[in-house]
C-alpha atoms as a PDB file:
ATOM      1  CA  MET A   1       3.388   6.074   0.872  1.00  0.00           C
ATOM      2  CA  PRO A   2       5.910   8.832   0.656  1.00  0.00           C
ATOM      3  CA  LYS A   3       4.150  12.533  -0.813  1.00  0.00           C
ATOM      4  CA  GLU A   4       7.461  13.622  -3.184  1.00  0.00           C
ATOM      5  CA  PHE A   5       9.889  11.755  -4.931  1.00  0.00           C
ATOM      6  CA  GLU A   6      12.522  13.943  -3.484  1.00  0.00           C
ATOM      7  CA  TRP A   7      11.343  12.837  -0.090  1.00  0.00           C
ATOM      8  CA  LEU A   8      12.926   9.198  -1.294  1.00  0.00           C
ATOM      9  CA  GLU A   9      16.814  10.698  -2.126  1.00  0.00           C
ATOM     10  CA  GLY A  10      17.099   7.730  -4.477  1.00  0.00           C
ATOM     11  CA  ARG A  11      16.790   5.043  -2.284  1.00  0.00           C
ATOM     12  CA  ASP A  12      15.008   2.093  -3.439  1.00  0.00           C
ATOM     13  CA  TRP A  13      11.469   1.121  -1.794  1.00  0.00           C
ATOM     14  CA  ASP A  14       8.243  -1.188  -1.379  1.00  0.00           C
ATOM     15  CA  CYS A  15       4.942   0.090   0.007  1.00  0.00           C
ATOM     16  CA  VAL A  16       3.896  -2.657   1.944  1.00  0.00           C
ATOM     17  CA  MET A  17      -0.193  -3.172   1.878  1.00  0.00           C
ATOM     18  CA  THR A  18      -2.946  -5.134   2.913  1.00  0.00           C
ATOM     19  CA  ILE A  19      -6.832  -4.855   1.150  1.00  0.00           C
ATOM     20  CA  PRO A  20      -8.848  -5.194   4.876  1.00  0.00           C
ATOM     21  CA  PRO A  21      -7.694  -2.445   7.411  1.00  0.00           C
ATOM     22  CA  ASN A  22      -4.525  -4.400   8.852  1.00  0.00           C
ATOM     23  CA  GLY A  23      -5.688  -7.461   6.902  1.00  0.00           C
ATOM     24  CA  TRP A  24      -2.066  -9.429   7.694  1.00  0.00           C
ATOM     25  CA  GLY A  25      -3.472 -13.230   6.839  1.00  0.00           C
ATOM     26  CA  TYR A  26      -6.532 -14.549   6.310  1.00  0.00           C
ATOM     27  CA  MET A  27      -9.323 -12.974   7.393  1.00  0.00           C
ATOM     28  CA  LYS A  28     -13.088 -14.704   6.726  1.00  0.00           C
ATOM     29  CA  ASP A  29     -15.566 -12.349   7.319  1.00  0.00           C
ATOM     30  CA  TRP A  30     -15.320  -8.569   5.233  1.00  0.00           C
ATOM     31  CA  SER A  31     -18.493  -7.561   6.071  1.00  0.00           C
ATOM     32  CA  GLY A  32     -18.750  -4.117   7.995  1.00  0.00           C
ATOM     33  CA  ILE A  33     -15.143  -3.136   7.188  1.00  0.00           C
ATOM     34  CA  TYR A  34     -13.885  -0.960   4.098  1.00  0.00           C
ATOM     35  CA  THR A  35     -11.762  -3.529   1.861  1.00  0.00           C
ATOM     36  CA  LYS A  36      -9.843  -1.929  -1.150  1.00  0.00           C
ATOM     37  CA  THR A  37     -11.278  -1.699  -4.454  1.00  0.00           C
ATOM     38  CA  SER A  38      -9.360  -2.513  -7.476  1.00  0.00           C
ATOM     39  CA  ASP A  39      -9.574   1.462  -8.386  1.00  0.00           C
ATOM     40  CA  ASP A  40      -7.563   2.001  -4.759  1.00  0.00           C
ATOM     41  CA  LEU A  41      -5.138  -0.815  -5.576  1.00  0.00           C
ATOM     42  CA  ILE A  42      -4.474   0.773  -8.933  1.00  0.00           C
ATOM     43  CA  ASP A  43      -3.750   4.189  -8.032  1.00  0.00           C
ATOM     44  CA  MET A  44      -1.567   2.978  -5.709  1.00  0.00           C
ATOM     45  CA  LEU A  45       0.294   0.850  -7.772  1.00  0.00           C
ATOM     46  CA  MET A  46       0.721   3.823 -10.425  1.00  0.00           C
ATOM     47  CA  ASN A  47       1.577   6.075  -7.238  1.00  0.00           C
ATOM     48  CA  CYS A  48       4.460   3.562  -6.443  1.00  0.00           C
ATOM     49  CA  VAL A  49       6.041   2.937  -9.737  1.00  0.00           C
ATOM     50  CA  SER A  50       5.910   6.995 -10.424  1.00  0.00           C
ATOM     51  CA  MET A  51       8.213   7.269  -7.681  1.00  0.00           C
ATOM     52  CA  ASN A  52      10.593   4.275  -8.844  1.00  0.00           C
ATOM     53  CA  GLY A  53       8.813   1.880  -6.021  1.00  0.00           C
ATOM     54  CA  ASN A  54       6.522  -1.470  -5.632  1.00  0.00           C
ATOM     55  CA  LEU A  55       3.682  -2.429  -4.604  1.00  0.00           C
ATOM     56  CA  VAL A  56       3.109  -5.263  -2.124  1.00  0.00           C
ATOM     57  CA  LEU A  57      -0.409  -6.389  -1.950  1.00  0.00           C
ATOM     58  CA  ASN A  58      -0.924  -8.817   0.570  1.00  0.00           C
ATOM     59  CA  PHE A  59      -2.912 -11.978   0.220  1.00  0.00           C
ATOM     60  CA  GLY A  60      -4.065 -14.089   2.924  1.00  0.00           C
ATOM     61  CA  PRO A  61      -4.712 -18.041   2.446  1.00  0.00           C
ATOM     62  CA  ASP A  62      -7.213 -20.175   4.613  1.00  0.00           C
ATOM     63  CA  GLY A  63      -5.670 -23.268   6.258  1.00  0.00           C
ATOM     64  CA  ASN A  64      -6.303 -25.116   2.520  1.00  0.00           C
ATOM     65  CA  GLY A  65      -4.623 -22.760   0.982  1.00  0.00           C
ATOM     66  CA  HIS A  66      -8.077 -21.005  -0.449  1.00  0.00           C
ATOM     67  CA  MET A  67      -8.132 -17.008  -1.157  1.00  0.00           C
ATOM     68  CA  HIS A  68     -10.884 -15.162  -0.123  1.00  0.00           C
ATOM     69  CA  PRO A  69     -13.361 -14.804  -2.775  1.00  0.00           C
ATOM     70  CA  GLY A  70     -12.778 -10.417  -2.638  1.00  0.00           C
ATOM     71  CA  GLU A  71      -9.326 -11.523  -3.351  1.00  0.00           C
ATOM     72  CA  ASP A  72      -9.898 -13.748  -6.291  1.00  0.00           C
ATOM     73  CA  LYS A  73     -12.155 -10.931  -7.685  1.00  0.00           C
ATOM     74  CA  LEU A  74      -9.489  -7.717  -7.177  1.00  0.00           C
ATOM     75  CA  ALA A  75      -6.874  -9.967  -8.491  1.00  0.00           C
ATOM     76  CA  LYS A  76      -8.933 -10.599 -11.668  1.00  0.00           C
ATOM     77  CA  GLU A  77     -10.085  -6.886 -12.207  1.00  0.00           C
ATOM     78  CA  ILE A  78      -6.057  -5.820 -11.595  1.00  0.00           C
ATOM     79  CA  GLY A  79      -4.984  -8.604 -13.782  1.00  0.00           C
ATOM     80  CA  ASP A  80      -7.430  -7.766 -16.551  1.00  0.00           C
ATOM     81  CA  TRP A  81      -6.287  -3.820 -16.053  1.00  0.00           C
ATOM     82  CA  ILE A  82      -2.397  -4.484 -16.389  1.00  0.00           C
ATOM     83  CA  LYS A  83      -3.011  -6.536 -19.508  1.00  0.00           C
ATOM     84  CA  VAL A  84      -4.032  -3.653 -21.527  1.00  0.00           C
ATOM     85  CA  ASN A  85      -1.827  -0.930 -19.464  1.00  0.00           C
ATOM     86  CA  GLY A  86       0.752  -2.872 -18.469  1.00  0.00           C
ATOM     87  CA  GLU A  87       3.007  -0.766 -21.145  1.00  0.00           C
ATOM     88  CA  ALA A  88       3.063   1.940 -17.769  1.00  0.00           C
ATOM     89  CA  VAL A  89       3.561  -0.085 -15.834  1.00  0.00           C
ATOM     90  CA  TYR A  90       6.738  -2.227 -16.268  1.00  0.00           C
ATOM     91  CA  GLY A  91       9.957  -1.185 -16.780  1.00  0.00           C
ATOM     92  CA  VAL A  92       9.350   2.487 -16.459  1.00  0.00           C
ATOM     93  CA  ARG A  93      10.909   5.211 -14.318  1.00  0.00           C
ATOM     94  CA  HIS A  94      10.619   8.043 -12.554  1.00  0.00           C
ATOM     95  CA  ALA A  95       9.068  10.834 -14.978  1.00  0.00           C
ATOM     96  CA  GLY A  96      10.747  14.347 -13.644  1.00  0.00           C
ATOM     97  CA  LEU A  97       7.500  16.385 -13.927  1.00  0.00           C
ATOM     98  CA  ALA A  98       6.048  18.007 -11.826  1.00  0.00           C
ATOM     99  CA  PRO A  99       2.400  16.083 -10.020  1.00  0.00           C
ATOM    100  CA  SER A 100      -0.528  16.112 -12.109  1.00  0.00           C
ATOM    101  CA  LYS A 101      -4.042  16.346 -10.181  1.00  0.00           C
ATOM    102  CA  LEU A 102      -5.209  14.228 -13.089  1.00  0.00           C
ATOM    103  CA  GLY A 103      -2.706  10.960 -12.505  1.00  0.00           C
ATOM    104  CA  TYR A 104       0.842   9.738 -12.575  1.00  0.00           C
ATOM    105  CA  PHE A 105       3.571  10.075 -14.490  1.00  0.00           C
ATOM    106  CA  THR A 106       5.923   7.299 -15.999  1.00  0.00           C
ATOM    107  CA  LYS A 107       8.542   7.473 -18.593  1.00  0.00           C
ATOM    108  CA  LYS A 108      10.237   4.464 -20.713  1.00  0.00           C
ATOM    109  CA  GLU A 109      12.939   5.778 -23.229  1.00  0.00           C
ATOM    110  CA  ASP A 110      11.222   8.301 -25.283  1.00  0.00           C
ATOM    111  CA  ASN A 111       7.666   7.322 -24.154  1.00  0.00           C
ATOM    112  CA  LEU A 112       6.033   9.597 -21.365  1.00  0.00           C
ATOM    113  CA  TYR A 113       2.518   8.006 -19.688  1.00  0.00           C
ATOM    114  CA  LEU A 114       0.121   9.718 -17.727  1.00  0.00           C
ATOM    115  CA  THR A 115      -2.429   7.593 -16.335  1.00  0.00           C
ATOM    116  CA  VAL A 116      -5.700   9.319 -15.813  1.00  0.00           C
ATOM    117  CA  PHE A 117      -7.956   9.059 -12.374  1.00  0.00           C
ATOM    118  CA  ASN A 118      -9.359  12.225 -12.738  1.00  0.00           C
ATOM    119  CA  ARG A 119     -10.366  12.465 -15.891  1.00  0.00           C
ATOM    120  CA  PRO A 120     -11.261  16.455 -16.546  1.00  0.00           C
ATOM    121  CA  VAL A 121     -14.891  17.435 -17.381  1.00  0.00           C
ATOM    122  CA  ASN A 122     -13.734  19.416 -20.285  1.00  0.00           C
ATOM    123  CA  ASN A 123     -11.819  16.807 -21.759  1.00  0.00           C
ATOM    124  CA  ILE A 124      -8.357  18.627 -22.308  1.00  0.00           C
ATOM    125  CA  VAL A 125      -5.319  16.439 -20.095  1.00  0.00           C
ATOM    126  CA  ARG A 126      -2.664  19.328 -19.674  1.00  0.00           C
ATOM    127  CA  ILE A 127       0.706  18.660 -19.226  1.00  0.00           C
ATOM    128  CA  ALA A 128       3.189  20.992 -17.696  1.00  0.00           C
ATOM    129  CA  VAL A 129       6.727  21.124 -18.982  1.00  0.00           C
ATOM    130  CA  PRO A 130       9.407  23.204 -17.484  1.00  0.00           C
ATOM    131  CA  LYS A 131      10.366  25.714 -20.297  1.00  0.00           C
ATOM    132  CA  GLY A 132      13.636  25.337 -21.647  1.00  0.00           C
ATOM    133  CA  ALA A 133      13.126  21.129 -21.969  1.00  0.00           C
ATOM    134  CA  THR A 134      14.838  19.625 -24.594  1.00  0.00           C
ATOM    135  CA  GLU A 135      11.938  16.850 -24.633  1.00  0.00           C
ATOM    136  CA  VAL A 136       8.717  17.966 -24.937  1.00  0.00           C
ATOM    137  CA  PRO A 137       5.271  15.702 -26.065  1.00  0.00           C
ATOM    138  CA  VAL A 138       4.526  15.249 -29.934  1.00  0.00           C
ATOM    139  CA  THR A 139       2.089  12.929 -30.825  1.00  0.00           C
ATOM    140  CA  ALA A 140      -0.406  11.318 -28.165  1.00  0.00           C
ATOM    141  CA  THR A 141      -2.517   8.064 -28.120  1.00  0.00           C
ATOM    142  CA  ILE A 142      -5.155   6.495 -25.662  1.00  0.00           C
ATOM    143  CA  LEU A 143      -3.282   3.016 -24.898  1.00  0.00           C
ATOM    144  CA  GLN A 144      -6.640   0.920 -24.203  1.00  0.00           C
ATOM    145  CA  ASN A 145      -7.328   1.406 -28.157  1.00  0.00           C
ATOM    146  CA  GLY A 146      -4.258   3.389 -29.725  1.00  0.00           C
ATOM    147  CA  GLN A 147      -6.348   5.893 -30.895  1.00  0.00           C
ATOM    148  CA  SER A 148      -4.546   9.017 -31.865  1.00  0.00           C
ATOM    149  CA  LEU A 149      -5.389  12.222 -30.131  1.00  0.00           C
ATOM    150  CA  GLU A 150      -5.460  15.575 -30.840  1.00  0.00           C
ATOM    151  CA  LEU A 151      -2.430  17.577 -29.191  1.00  0.00           C
ATOM    152  CA  ARG A 152      -1.173  21.086 -29.631  1.00  0.00           C
ATOM    153  CA  HIS A 153       1.147  23.745 -27.823  1.00  0.00           C
ATOM    154  CA  THR A 154      -0.794  25.905 -24.975  1.00  0.00           C
ATOM    155  CA  ASP A 155       0.801  28.955 -24.344  1.00  0.00           C
ATOM    156  CA  ILE A 156      -1.733  30.459 -21.095  1.00  0.00           C
ATOM    157  CA  GLY A 157       0.381  33.707 -21.112  1.00  0.00           C
ATOM    158  CA  LEU A 158       1.536  33.227 -17.129  1.00  0.00           C
ATOM    159  CA  ASP A 159       4.724  35.576 -17.360  1.00  0.00           C
ATOM    160  CA  LEU A 160       6.435  33.979 -14.010  1.00  0.00           C
ATOM    161  CA  ASP A 161       5.219  30.694 -15.067  1.00  0.00           C
ATOM    162  CA  LYS A 162       8.319  28.270 -15.420  1.00  0.00           C
ATOM    163  CA  ASN A 163       6.358  25.632 -17.414  1.00  0.00           C
ATOM    164  CA  THR A 164       4.857  25.485 -20.994  1.00  0.00           C
ATOM    165  CA  TYR A 165       1.596  23.450 -21.433  1.00  0.00           C
ATOM    166  CA  TYR A 166       0.935  20.864 -24.293  1.00  0.00           C
ATOM    167  CA  ASP A 167      -2.989  19.906 -24.020  1.00  0.00           C
ATOM    168  CA  ILE A 168      -4.180  16.690 -25.075  1.00  0.00           C
ATOM    169  CA  LEU A 169      -7.961  16.450 -26.421  1.00  0.00           C
ATOM    170  CA  LEU A 170     -10.236  13.047 -25.250  1.00  0.00           C
ATOM    171  CA  PRO A 171     -12.729  12.257 -27.390  1.00  0.00           C
ATOM    172  CA  ASN A 172     -16.302  12.357 -25.994  1.00  0.00           C
ATOM    173  CA  SER A 173     -16.864   8.932 -27.456  1.00  0.00           C
ATOM    174  CA  PHE A 174     -14.035   7.626 -25.556  1.00  0.00           C
ATOM    175  CA  ILE A 175     -15.611   5.802 -22.423  1.00  0.00           C
ATOM    176  CA  THR A 176     -14.485   3.963 -19.990  1.00  0.00           C
ATOM    177  CA  ASN A 177     -15.067   3.193 -15.626  1.00  0.00           C
ATOM    178  CA  LYS A 178     -11.215   2.604 -15.414  1.00  0.00           C
ATOM    179  CA  ALA A 179      -8.509   4.216 -15.180  1.00  0.00           C
ATOM    180  CA  PHE A 180      -6.963   5.143 -18.384  1.00  0.00           C
ATOM    181  CA  VAL A 181      -3.270   5.653 -19.695  1.00  0.00           C
ATOM    182  CA  VAL A 182      -2.250   8.307 -22.378  1.00  0.00           C
ATOM    183  CA  LYS A 183       1.145   7.636 -24.175  1.00  0.00           C
ATOM    184  CA  MET A 184       2.846  10.340 -25.489  1.00  0.00           C
ATOM    185  CA  LYS A 185       6.056  10.363 -27.613  1.00  0.00           C
ATOM    186  CA  LEU A 186       8.604  12.282 -27.065  1.00  0.00           C
ATOM    187  CA  GLY A 187      10.823  14.518 -29.322  1.00  0.00           C
ATOM    188  CA  LYS A 188      11.962  18.198 -29.764  1.00  0.00           C
ATOM    189  CA  PRO A 189      10.179  21.343 -28.842  1.00  0.00           C
ATOM    190  CA  LYS A 190       9.586  23.052 -32.486  1.00  0.00           C
ATOM    191  CA  SER A 191      10.967  26.283 -30.793  1.00  0.00           C
ATOM    192  CA  GLN A 192      13.071  26.586 -27.782  1.00  0.00           C
ATOM    193  CA  GLY A 193      12.416  30.727 -28.144  1.00  0.00           C
ATOM    194  CA  GLU A 194      10.238  32.178 -24.933  1.00  0.00           C
ATOM    195  CA  LYS A 195       6.949  34.095 -26.817  1.00  0.00           C
ATOM    196  CA  LEU A 196       6.153  37.219 -24.976  1.00  0.00           C
ATOM    197  CA  MET A 197       3.042  39.453 -25.481  1.00  0.00           C
ATOM    198  CA  ASP A 198       3.305  42.748 -25.360  1.00  0.00           C
ATOM    199  CA  ALA A 199       1.424  44.705 -22.935  1.00  0.00           C
ATOM    200  CA  LYS A 200      -1.404  47.139 -24.983  1.00  0.00           C
ATOM    201  CA  MET A 201      -2.165  50.090 -23.052  1.00  0.00           C
END
């Protein structure tokens, strides 16, 4: 998995992954080894998609064409998640924003998506946008249920910071045990001017 998008130099790429370690083909016994969870695999999927790549996941049938029960379970969990959040997965491209510790950005037309794996304890999803950007978040919703979210421009007052910030407030009532997607509509910033605080002696 590339660590940085720039390493790819515009090339097409795939991440080819197994569920049990090096489990190419059918593995009957999954006991005593760590097998990837649907959370692991969704994380890998969104990491790949955020860098214009594909995740190729190995499913190994036995001689009669039957999948391991664990693979059937994972396929259903991943499929259920994509049914809800597929808008952030299909037809999207690299968003061109700095990586977030909260999750992965994807973009489609004037829609920006952040798939959140690490929900902030204060329920504030902070988006860093370069100062002078011509497109910034103007509205935000939870893709899972369409709930509108409060979004506000935040100046955190760091003089040499090249970014400005947009805070999205998650409601305490929104509870999920899976990664979720914040969908943002992009538009023109209200003001291009940089605000500088006068020092008070």
